[in-house]
C-alpha atoms as a PDB file:
ATOM      1  CA  MET A   1      32.983   8.062 -31.224  1.00  0.00           C
ATOM      2  CA  GLN A   2      36.059   8.491 -33.906  1.00  0.00           C
ATOM      3  CA  PHE A   3      33.544  10.782 -35.724  1.00  0.00           C
ATOM      4  CA  LEU A   4      32.821  13.103 -32.870  1.00  0.00           C
ATOM      5  CA  LYS A   5      36.476  13.704 -31.840  1.00  0.00           C
ATOM      6  CA  LYS A   6      36.944  14.475 -35.354  1.00  0.00           C
ATOM      7  CA  ILE A   7      34.433  17.577 -35.448  1.00  0.00           C
ATOM      8  CA  LEU A   8      36.251  18.384 -31.645  1.00  0.00           C
ATOM      9  CA  ASP A   9      38.979  18.226 -32.894  1.00  0.00           C
ATOM     10  CA  PHE A  10      38.389  21.063 -36.016  1.00  0.00           C
ATOM     11  CA  TYR A  11      36.539  22.739 -33.472  1.00  0.00           C
ATOM     12  CA  ILE A  12      39.441  23.458 -31.877  1.00  0.00           C
ATOM     13  CA  PHE A  13      42.150  23.553 -34.338  1.00  0.00           C
ATOM     14  CA  SER A  14      40.473  25.573 -36.406  1.00  0.00           C
ATOM     15  CA  ASN A  15      40.373  28.457 -33.668  1.00  0.00           C
ATOM     16  CA  ILE A  16      36.210  28.350 -33.747  1.00  0.00           C
ATOM     17  CA  HIS A  17      36.829  28.118 -29.753  1.00  0.00           C
ATOM     18  CA  VAL A  18      39.283  30.566 -28.992  1.00  0.00           C
ATOM     19  CA  ALA A  19      36.803  32.968 -31.443  1.00  0.00           C
ATOM     20  CA  LEU A  20      34.205  31.879 -29.068  1.00  0.00           C
ATOM     21  CA  ALA A  21      36.415  32.680 -26.256  1.00  0.00           C
ATOM     22  CA  GLY A  22      37.027  36.294 -27.506  1.00  0.00           C
ATOM     23  CA  PHE A  23      33.310  36.642 -28.341  1.00  0.00           C
ATOM     24  CA  SER A  24      32.518  36.193 -24.934  1.00  0.00           C
ATOM     25  CA  LEU A  25      34.962  38.280 -23.595  1.00  0.00           C
ATOM     26  CA  THR A  26      33.930  41.722 -26.003  1.00  0.00           C
ATOM     27  CA  LYS A  27      30.070  40.435 -24.985  1.00  0.00           C
ATOM     28  CA  ILE A  28      30.846  40.609 -21.400  1.00  0.00           C
ATOM     29  CA  THR A  29      32.312  43.970 -21.895  1.00  0.00           C
ATOM     30  CA  LEU A  30      29.300  45.460 -23.178  1.00  0.00           C
ATOM     31  CA  ILE A  31      27.270  44.344 -21.036  1.00  0.00           C
ATOM     32  CA  LYS A  32      28.926  46.025 -18.220  1.00  0.00           C
ATOM     33  CA  PHE A  33      28.984  48.743 -20.227  1.00  0.00           C
ATOM     34  CA  ASP A  34      25.293  48.248 -21.056  1.00  0.00           C
ATOM     35  CA  ILE A  35      25.657  48.416 -24.435  1.00  0.00           C
ATOM     36  CA  GLU A  36      23.053  46.356 -26.780  1.00  0.00           C
ATOM     37  CA  GLY A  37      22.611  45.606 -30.317  1.00  0.00           C
ATOM     38  CA  ASN A  38      26.344  46.075 -31.351  1.00  0.00           C
ATOM     39  CA  LEU A  39      28.241  43.839 -34.008  1.00  0.00           C
ATOM     40  CA  ILE A  40      31.773  44.360 -32.629  1.00  0.00           C
ATOM     41  CA  PRO A  41      31.834  40.836 -30.981  1.00  0.00           C
ATOM     42  CA  PHE A  42      30.947  39.116 -34.167  1.00  0.00           C
ATOM     43  CA  PHE A  43      33.929  41.045 -35.208  1.00  0.00           C
ATOM     44  CA  VAL A  44      36.390  39.903 -33.109  1.00  0.00           C
ATOM     45  CA  ALA A  45      35.436  36.462 -33.097  1.00  0.00           C
ATOM     46  CA  LEU A  46      35.989  36.160 -36.707  1.00  0.00           C
ATOM     47  CA  SER A  47      39.412  38.767 -36.485  1.00  0.00           C
ATOM     48  CA  ILE A  48      40.071  35.896 -34.446  1.00  0.00           C
ATOM     49  CA  ILE A  49      39.747  33.360 -36.675  1.00  0.00           C
ATOM     50  CA  ILE A  50      41.716  34.352 -39.809  1.00  0.00           C
ATOM     51  CA  SER A  51      44.418  35.883 -37.517  1.00  0.00           C
ATOM     52  CA  TYR A  52      44.668  33.017 -35.305  1.00  0.00           C
ATOM     53  CA  ASN A  53      44.917  30.560 -38.694  1.00  0.00           C
ATOM     54  CA  PHE A  54      47.354  32.795 -40.303  1.00  0.00           C
ATOM     55  CA  ILE A  55      49.298  32.325 -37.484  1.00  0.00           C
ATOM     56  CA  ARG A  56      49.444  28.677 -37.367  1.00  0.00           C
ATOM     57  CA  PHE A  57      50.193  28.702 -41.338  1.00  0.00           C
ATOM     58  CA  PHE A  58      53.446  30.879 -40.068  1.00  0.00           C
ATOM     59  CA  GLU A  59      54.556  29.005 -37.713  1.00  0.00           C
ATOM     60  CA  ILE A  60      53.969  25.526 -39.717  1.00  0.00           C
ATOM     61  CA  LYS A  61      55.609  27.354 -42.189  1.00  0.00           C
ATOM     62  CA  TYR A  62      58.885  28.151 -40.737  1.00  0.00           C
ATOM     63  CA  LYS A  63      58.964  24.819 -38.961  1.00  0.00           C
ATOM     64  CA  ARG A  64      56.973  24.936 -35.820  1.00  0.00           C
ATOM     65  CA  LEU A  65      53.722  23.149 -34.154  1.00  0.00           C
ATOM     66  CA  GLN A  66      55.165  19.969 -36.276  1.00  0.00           C
ATOM     67  CA  TRP A  67      52.305  18.217 -34.127  1.00  0.00           C
ATOM     68  CA  PHE A  68      50.267  20.054 -35.874  1.00  0.00           C
ATOM     69  CA  LYS A  69      51.639  20.399 -39.501  1.00  0.00           C
ATOM     70  CA  SER A  70      49.837  17.008 -40.578  1.00  0.00           C
ATOM     71  CA  TRP A  71      45.850  18.000 -39.255  1.00  0.00           C
ATOM     72  CA  PHE A  72      46.726  21.521 -40.489  1.00  0.00           C
ATOM     73  CA  TYR A  73      47.503  20.303 -44.307  1.00  0.00           C
ATOM     74  CA  ASN A  74      44.803  17.578 -44.101  1.00  0.00           C
ATOM     75  CA  HIS A  75      42.451  19.954 -43.253  1.00  0.00           C
ATOM     76  CA  LYS A  76      44.128  23.211 -45.559  1.00  0.00           C
ATOM     77  CA  VAL A  77      40.320  22.788 -47.986  1.00  0.00           C
ATOM     78  CA  SER A  78      37.976  23.003 -44.831  1.00  0.00           C
ATOM     79  CA  LEU A  79      40.784  25.559 -43.007  1.00  0.00           C
ATOM     80  CA  LEU A  80      40.616  28.432 -46.657  1.00  0.00           C
ATOM     81  CA  PHE A  81      37.290  27.791 -46.197  1.00  0.00           C
ATOM     82  CA  LEU A  82      36.469  29.037 -43.025  1.00  0.00           C
ATOM     83  CA  VAL A  83      38.503  31.793 -43.367  1.00  0.00           C
ATOM     84  CA  VAL A  84      37.482  33.604 -46.595  1.00  0.00           C
ATOM     85  CA  VAL A  85      33.415  32.989 -45.127  1.00  0.00           C
ATOM     86  CA  ALA A  86      35.198  34.945 -42.009  1.00  0.00           C
ATOM     87  CA  VAL A  87      36.618  37.131 -44.931  1.00  0.00           C
ATOM     88  CA  ILE A  88      33.598  37.958 -45.912  1.00  0.00           C
ATOM     89  CA  LEU A  89      31.490  38.593 -43.249  1.00  0.00           C
ATOM     90  CA  LEU A  90      33.835  40.869 -41.885  1.00  0.00           C
ATOM     91  CA  CYS A  91      33.884  42.915 -44.453  1.00  0.00           C
ATOM     92  CA  PHE A  92      30.082  43.235 -44.349  1.00  0.00           C
ATOM     93  CA  ILE A  93      30.395  44.331 -40.217  1.00  0.00           C
ATOM     94  CA  ILE A  94      33.239  46.962 -41.144  1.00  0.00           C
ATOM     95  CA  PHE A  95      31.005  48.476 -43.936  1.00  0.00           C
ATOM     96  CA  SER A  96      28.004  48.449 -42.698  1.00  0.00           C
ATOM     97  CA  ASN A  97      26.283  51.710 -41.527  1.00  0.00           C
ATOM     98  CA  SER A  98      26.405  50.982 -37.871  1.00  0.00           C
ATOM     99  CA  PHE A  99      30.278  50.064 -37.714  1.00  0.00           C
ATOM    100  CA  ASN A 100      32.515  52.851 -35.976  1.00  0.00           C
ATOM    101  CA  LEU A 101      35.635  53.278 -38.770  1.00  0.00           C
ATOM    102  CA  LYS A 102      37.346  55.480 -36.249  1.00  0.00           C
ATOM    103  CA  SER A 103      37.953  52.470 -33.965  1.00  0.00           C
ATOM    104  CA  ILE A 104      40.358  50.897 -35.909  1.00  0.00           C
ATOM    105  CA  VAL A 105      42.997  53.076 -34.688  1.00  0.00           C
ATOM    106  CA  VAL A 106      42.407  51.457 -31.139  1.00  0.00           C
ATOM    107  CA  LEU A 107      41.957  48.109 -32.136  1.00  0.00           C
ATOM    108  CA  PHE A 108      45.617  49.050 -34.846  1.00  0.00           C
ATOM    109  CA  PRO A 109      48.408  48.456 -31.879  1.00  0.00           C
ATOM    110  CA  PHE A 110      46.740  45.383 -30.533  1.00  0.00           C
ATOM    111  CA  ALA A 111      46.388  43.825 -33.770  1.00  0.00           C
ATOM    112  CA  PHE A 112      49.908  44.416 -34.670  1.00  0.00           C
ATOM    113  CA  MET A 113      51.363  42.782 -31.419  1.00  0.00           C
ATOM    114  CA  THR A 114      49.039  39.719 -32.623  1.00  0.00           C
ATOM    115  CA  LEU A 115      50.207  39.872 -35.693  1.00  0.00           C
ATOM    116  CA  PHE A 116      53.758  40.541 -34.712  1.00  0.00           C
ATOM    117  CA  TYR A 117      53.418  37.878 -32.049  1.00  0.00           C
ATOM    118  CA  VAL A 118      55.162  35.342 -34.629  1.00  0.00           C
ATOM    119  CA  VAL A 119      56.216  37.747 -37.678  1.00  0.00           C
ATOM    120  CA  PRO A 120      59.451  38.400 -37.113  1.00  0.00           C
ATOM    121  CA  LEU A 121      59.432  42.529 -35.925  1.00  0.00           C
ATOM    122  CA  PHE A 122      62.843  42.368 -37.722  1.00  0.00           C
ATOM    123  CA  LYS A 123      65.454  39.543 -38.765  1.00  0.00           C
ATOM    124  CA  ALA A 124      69.837  39.535 -37.374  1.00  0.00           C
ATOM    125  CA  LYS A 125      71.578  37.182 -38.833  1.00  0.00           C
ATOM    126  CA  TYR A 126      69.853  33.734 -37.869  1.00  0.00           C
ATOM    127  CA  LEU A 127      67.798  35.701 -35.084  1.00  0.00           C
ATOM    128  CA  GLU A 128      64.584  36.553 -35.632  1.00  0.00           C
ATOM    129  CA  PHE A 129      63.325  39.357 -33.266  1.00  0.00           C
ATOM    130  CA  SER A 130      58.831  38.528 -32.943  1.00  0.00           C
ATOM    131  CA  PHE A 131      56.854  39.318 -29.420  1.00  0.00           C
ATOM    132  CA  ARG A 132      57.316  35.612 -28.965  1.00  0.00           C
ATOM    133  CA  ASN A 133      60.901  35.333 -28.604  1.00  0.00           C
ATOM    134  CA  PHE A 134      61.568  38.291 -26.556  1.00  0.00           C
ATOM    135  CA  PRO A 135      62.218  37.472 -22.850  1.00  0.00           C
ATOM    136  CA  PHE A 136      59.317  37.196 -20.543  1.00  0.00           C
ATOM    137  CA  ILE A 137      57.341  39.433 -23.460  1.00  0.00           C
ATOM    138  CA  LYS A 138      55.316  36.467 -24.846  1.00  0.00           C
ATOM    139  CA  ILE A 139      52.269  36.205 -22.138  1.00  0.00           C
ATOM    140  CA  PHE A 140      52.579  40.123 -21.485  1.00  0.00           C
ATOM    141  CA  SER A 141      52.248  40.678 -25.158  1.00  0.00           C
ATOM    142  CA  ILE A 142      48.714  37.980 -25.472  1.00  0.00           C
ATOM    143  CA  ALA A 143      46.999  39.575 -22.038  1.00  0.00           C
ATOM    144  CA  ILE A 144      47.274  43.039 -22.771  1.00  0.00           C
ATOM    145  CA  ALA A 145      46.822  42.076 -27.210  1.00  0.00           C
ATOM    146  CA  TRP A 146      43.714  40.212 -25.646  1.00  0.00           C
ATOM    147  CA  ALA A 147      42.354  42.403 -22.711  1.00  0.00           C
ATOM    148  CA  GLY A 148      42.866  45.584 -25.639  1.00  0.00           C
ATOM    149  CA  ILE A 149      40.866  43.694 -28.322  1.00  0.00           C
ATOM    150  CA  THR A 150      37.851  43.039 -25.463  1.00  0.00           C
ATOM    151  CA  VAL A 151      37.832  45.853 -23.823  1.00  0.00           C
ATOM    152  CA  PHE A 152      38.807  49.003 -24.960  1.00  0.00           C
ATOM    153  CA  PHE A 153      38.192  48.361 -29.261  1.00  0.00           C
ATOM    154  CA  PRO A 154      34.558  47.610 -28.500  1.00  0.00           C
ATOM    155  CA  LEU A 155      34.117  50.309 -26.038  1.00  0.00           C
ATOM    156  CA  TYR A 156      36.063  52.885 -28.018  1.00  0.00           C
ATOM    157  CA  GLU A 157      33.613  51.927 -31.541  1.00  0.00           C
ATOM    158  CA  ALA A 158      30.682  52.518 -28.923  1.00  0.00           C
ATOM    159  CA  GLU A 159      31.809  56.327 -28.338  1.00  0.00           C
ATOM    160  CA  ILE A 160      31.540  55.570 -24.486  1.00  0.00           C
ATOM    161  CA  VAL A 161      34.385  57.820 -22.428  1.00  0.00           C
ATOM    162  CA  PHE A 162      37.449  56.252 -20.962  1.00  0.00           C
ATOM    163  CA  THR A 163      36.653  56.947 -17.658  1.00  0.00           C
ATOM    164  CA  SER A 164      38.719  55.356 -14.535  1.00  0.00           C
ATOM    165  CA  GLU A 165      36.106  52.578 -14.300  1.00  0.00           C
ATOM    166  CA  VAL A 166      37.012  51.579 -17.825  1.00  0.00           C
ATOM    167  CA  TYR A 167      41.064  51.631 -17.229  1.00  0.00           C
ATOM    168  CA  ILE A 168      39.843  49.413 -14.156  1.00  0.00           C
ATOM    169  CA  GLU A 169      38.459  46.742 -16.161  1.00  0.00           C
ATOM    170  CA  PHE A 170      41.399  47.179 -18.910  1.00  0.00           C
ATOM    171  CA  PHE A 171      43.879  45.909 -15.874  1.00  0.00           C
ATOM    172  CA  GLN A 172      41.692  43.224 -13.956  1.00  0.00           C
ATOM    173  CA  ARG A 173      41.363  41.934 -17.877  1.00  0.00           C
ATOM    174  CA  VAL A 174      45.134  41.943 -18.181  1.00  0.00           C
ATOM    175  CA  LEU A 175      45.802  40.398 -14.576  1.00  0.00           C
ATOM    176  CA  ILE A 176      42.924  37.432 -15.666  1.00  0.00           C
ATOM    177  CA  LEU A 177      44.476  36.228 -18.981  1.00  0.00           C
ATOM    178  CA  ILE A 178      47.814  36.677 -17.951  1.00  0.00           C
ATOM    179  CA  ALA A 179      46.702  33.941 -15.124  1.00  0.00           C
ATOM    180  CA  PHE A 180      44.520  32.334 -17.705  1.00  0.00           C
ATOM    181  CA  THR A 181      47.101  32.182 -20.159  1.00  0.00           C
ATOM    182  CA  LEU A 182      50.105  30.529 -17.895  1.00  0.00           C
ATOM    183  CA  PRO A 183      48.304  26.854 -18.104  1.00  0.00           C
ATOM    184  CA  PHE A 184      49.543  26.863 -21.922  1.00  0.00           C
ATOM    185  CA  ASP A 185      52.787  27.958 -20.716  1.00  0.00           C
ATOM    186  CA  ILE A 186      52.813  25.970 -18.296  1.00  0.00           C
ATOM    187  CA  ARG A 187      51.702  22.825 -20.923  1.00  0.00           C
ATOM    188  CA  ASP A 188      54.320  23.833 -23.320  1.00  0.00           C
ATOM    189  CA  VAL A 189      57.402  24.316 -20.273  1.00  0.00           C
ATOM    190  CA  ASN A 190      58.958  21.605 -22.333  1.00  0.00           C
ATOM    191  CA  ILE A 191      58.339  22.453 -25.868  1.00  0.00           C
ATOM    192  CA  ASP A 192      58.988  25.903 -25.892  1.00  0.00           C
ATOM    193  CA  SER A 193      62.631  27.021 -26.623  1.00  0.00           C
ATOM    194  CA  LYS A 194      64.599  28.367 -23.577  1.00  0.00           C
ATOM    195  CA  GLN A 195      65.086  31.628 -25.135  1.00  0.00           C
ATOM    196  CA  LEU A 196      62.053  32.099 -24.804  1.00  0.00           C
ATOM    197  CA  LYS A 197      62.194  32.298 -20.932  1.00  0.00           C
ATOM    198  CA  THR A 198      58.811  32.013 -20.274  1.00  0.00           C
ATOM    199  CA  LEU A 199      57.273  32.407 -16.721  1.00  0.00           C
ATOM    200  CA  PRO A 200      57.225  28.996 -15.911  1.00  0.00           C
ATOM    201  CA  GLN A 201      60.823  27.883 -17.826  1.00  0.00           C
ATOM    202  CA  VAL A 202      62.374  30.946 -15.393  1.00  0.00           C
ATOM    203  CA  PHE A 203      60.883  30.546 -12.019  1.00  0.00           C
ATOM    204  CA  GLY A 204      59.428  26.807 -12.231  1.00  0.00           C
ATOM    205  CA  VAL A 205      55.801  25.849 -12.439  1.00  0.00           C
ATOM    206  CA  ASN A 206      54.895  25.656  -8.854  1.00  0.00           C
ATOM    207  CA  ASN A 207      56.513  29.286  -8.407  1.00  0.00           C
ATOM    208  CA  SER A 208      54.320  30.236 -11.564  1.00  0.00           C
ATOM    209  CA  LYS A 209      51.230  29.109 -10.111  1.00  0.00           C
ATOM    210  CA  ILE A 210      52.139  31.248  -7.456  1.00  0.00           C
ATOM    211  CA  ILE A 211      52.132  34.204  -9.676  1.00  0.00           C
ATOM    212  CA  GLY A 212      48.811  33.494 -10.940  1.00  0.00           C
ATOM    213  CA  TYR A 213      47.585  33.125  -7.788  1.00  0.00           C
ATOM    214  CA  VAL A 214      48.816  36.486  -6.339  1.00  0.00           C
ATOM    215  CA  LEU A 215      47.193  38.454  -9.842  1.00  0.00           C
ATOM    216  CA  LEU A 216      43.260  36.664  -9.825  1.00  0.00           C
ATOM    217  CA  LEU A 217      43.438  37.925  -5.477  1.00  0.00           C
ATOM    218  CA  ILE A 218      44.388  40.970  -7.108  1.00  0.00           C
ATOM    219  CA  VAL A 219      41.551  40.821  -9.659  1.00  0.00           C
ATOM    220  CA  ILE A 220      38.980  39.730  -6.420  1.00  0.00           C
ATOM    221  CA  LEU A 221      40.943  42.711  -4.075  1.00  0.00           C
ATOM    222  CA  ILE A 222      39.877  45.249  -7.033  1.00  0.00           C
ATOM    223  CA  GLU A 223      36.490  44.295  -7.526  1.00  0.00           C
ATOM    224  CA  ILE A 224      35.866  44.134  -4.089  1.00  0.00           C
ATOM    225  CA  PHE A 225      35.973  47.697  -3.691  1.00  0.00           C
ATOM    226  CA  ASN A 226      34.898  49.137  -6.692  1.00  0.00           C
ATOM    227  CA  GLU A 227      31.938  50.605  -6.548  1.00  0.00           C
ATOM    228  CA  ASP A 228      31.073  50.862  -9.756  1.00  0.00           C
ATOM    229  CA  SER A 229      30.640  47.157 -10.078  1.00  0.00           C
ATOM    230  CA  GLY A 230      26.766  45.307  -9.562  1.00  0.00           C
ATOM    231  CA  PHE A 231      26.924  42.696  -6.549  1.00  0.00           C
ATOM    232  CA  LEU A 232      25.844  39.555  -8.819  1.00  0.00           C
ATOM    233  CA  TYR A 233      28.762  40.578 -11.538  1.00  0.00           C
ATOM    234  CA  SER A 234      31.195  40.731  -8.940  1.00  0.00           C
ATOM    235  CA  CYS A 235      29.925  37.491  -7.229  1.00  0.00           C
ATOM    236  CA  ILE A 236      30.476  36.091 -11.263  1.00  0.00           C
ATOM    237  CA  LEU A 237      34.175  37.155 -11.538  1.00  0.00           C
ATOM    238  CA  MET A 238      35.382  36.030  -8.543  1.00  0.00           C
ATOM    239  CA  PHE A 239      33.862  32.887  -9.425  1.00  0.00           C
ATOM    240  CA  ILE A 240      35.610  32.483 -13.033  1.00  0.00           C
ATOM    241  CA  SER A 241      38.885  33.844 -11.299  1.00  0.00           C
ATOM    242  CA  SER A 242      38.643  30.922  -8.467  1.00  0.00           C
ATOM    243  CA  ILE A 243      37.938  28.519 -11.669  1.00  0.00           C
ATOM    244  CA  VAL A 244      41.131  29.486 -12.994  1.00  0.00           C
ATOM    245  CA  ALA A 245      42.931  28.976 -10.137  1.00  0.00           C
ATOM    246  CA  VAL A 246      41.774  25.376 -10.103  1.00  0.00           C
ATOM    247  CA  PHE A 247      42.634  25.187 -13.906  1.00  0.00           C
ATOM    248  CA  LEU A 248      46.078  26.565 -12.803  1.00  0.00           C
ATOM    249  CA  ALA A 249      46.544  23.975 -10.043  1.00  0.00           C
ATOM    250  CA  PHE A 250      46.297  21.266 -12.138  1.00  0.00           C
ATOM    251  CA  SER A 251      48.102  22.258 -15.053  1.00  0.00           C
ATOM    252  CA  SER A 252      51.127  20.048 -16.234  1.00  0.00           C
ATOM    253  CA  SER A 253      53.066  19.401 -18.866  1.00  0.00           C
ATOM    254  CA  LYS A 254      52.278  16.759 -18.889  1.00  0.00           C
ATOM    255  CA  ARG A 255      48.335  17.476 -19.739  1.00  0.00           C
ATOM    256  CA  SER A 256      46.701  16.679 -22.534  1.00  0.00           C
ATOM    257  CA  ARG A 257      45.952  19.293 -24.897  1.00  0.00           C
ATOM    258  CA  TYR A 258      42.547  19.356 -24.614  1.00  0.00           C
ATOM    259  CA  TYR A 259      43.247  20.436 -21.036  1.00  0.00           C
ATOM    260  CA  SER A 260      44.215  23.900 -22.651  1.00  0.00           C
ATOM    261  CA  SER A 261      43.102  24.026 -25.408  1.00  0.00           C
ATOM    262  CA  LEU A 262      39.234  23.295 -24.595  1.00  0.00           C
ATOM    263  CA  TRP A 263      38.859  23.148 -20.801  1.00  0.00           C
ATOM    264  CA  VAL A 264      40.703  26.521 -20.442  1.00  0.00           C
ATOM    265  CA  GLU A 265      40.550  28.382 -23.094  1.00  0.00           C
ATOM    266  CA  GLY A 266      36.221  27.594 -22.379  1.00  0.00           C
ATOM    267  CA  VAL A 267      36.288  29.485 -19.653  1.00  0.00           C
ATOM    268  CA  PRO A 268      35.588  32.945 -20.863  1.00  0.00           C
ATOM    269  CA  ILE A 269      32.452  30.938 -22.714  1.00  0.00           C
ATOM    270  CA  LEU A 270      31.368  30.308 -19.172  1.00  0.00           C
ATOM    271  CA  TRP A 271      31.842  33.361 -17.860  1.00  0.00           C
ATOM    272  CA  TYR A 272      29.721  34.897 -20.231  1.00  0.00           C
ATOM    273  CA  SER A 273      26.843  32.363 -19.730  1.00  0.00           C
ATOM    274  CA  LEU A 274      26.588  32.966 -16.034  1.00  0.00           C
ATOM    275  CA  ILE A 275      26.449  37.017 -17.389  1.00  0.00           C
ATOM    276  CA  VAL A 276      23.566  36.174 -19.454  1.00  0.00           C
ATOM    277  CA  LEU A 277      21.765  33.343 -17.003  1.00  0.00           C
ATOM    278  CA  PHE A 278      21.785  35.853 -13.812  1.00  0.00           C
ATOM    279  CA  LEU A 279      22.121  39.165 -15.077  1.00  0.00           C
END
């Protein structure tokens, strides 16, 4: 059991799990818009492994994530190997004939938001200014960056014309990702700096859950009236929204890290799996 726990911890804490979530969200977008044989989901997954491990290293270096520090340094060789392999594979995709280099233009602002989520944009005396440290910005920057990377980026790379259908998909993805991220903020409500002013810190845990339910309800209502979505796709989206609502309902600051980092983070993988099975 201890051996299996070590494997599970490496899978989660090395960001392979979150990379698969990013892969799944990107695949969902491509499937909805009937795009096949595309390497962009792998591009997104590899980018997440590289960027998220860099973010973890940066946060530990600046004395954040102290609970994670010992595990990170105990596995630094394995993590370095994983990142190096990810960089090599990413370069292979970028320089392959099938990759549209122009798509980097669309990716840039969302990659910028991801990088400067923790890396300070600028410093003023003892204060650091990053997206993470601006009041209320944290959860919105995460949702917008992820929606942009998993909706706008793959569609632009595939040279899809941006119609209202694309913007509706992006808007729905932002809303569901905000609700999806709330369990993480609820988990860290007593740990996060009070200066962050996350939704649970400002409105309280219960009111934040209500905000999440309202956002998910908006996603469902949009889907009901969206004539561009197929029936089965809409049913799956509404089911996934309900799953997110259930996870949100049972979220608390007392939940283990596996609750959010494994189970909640696994919702996009479930979403993609259902689409593969039923579409």
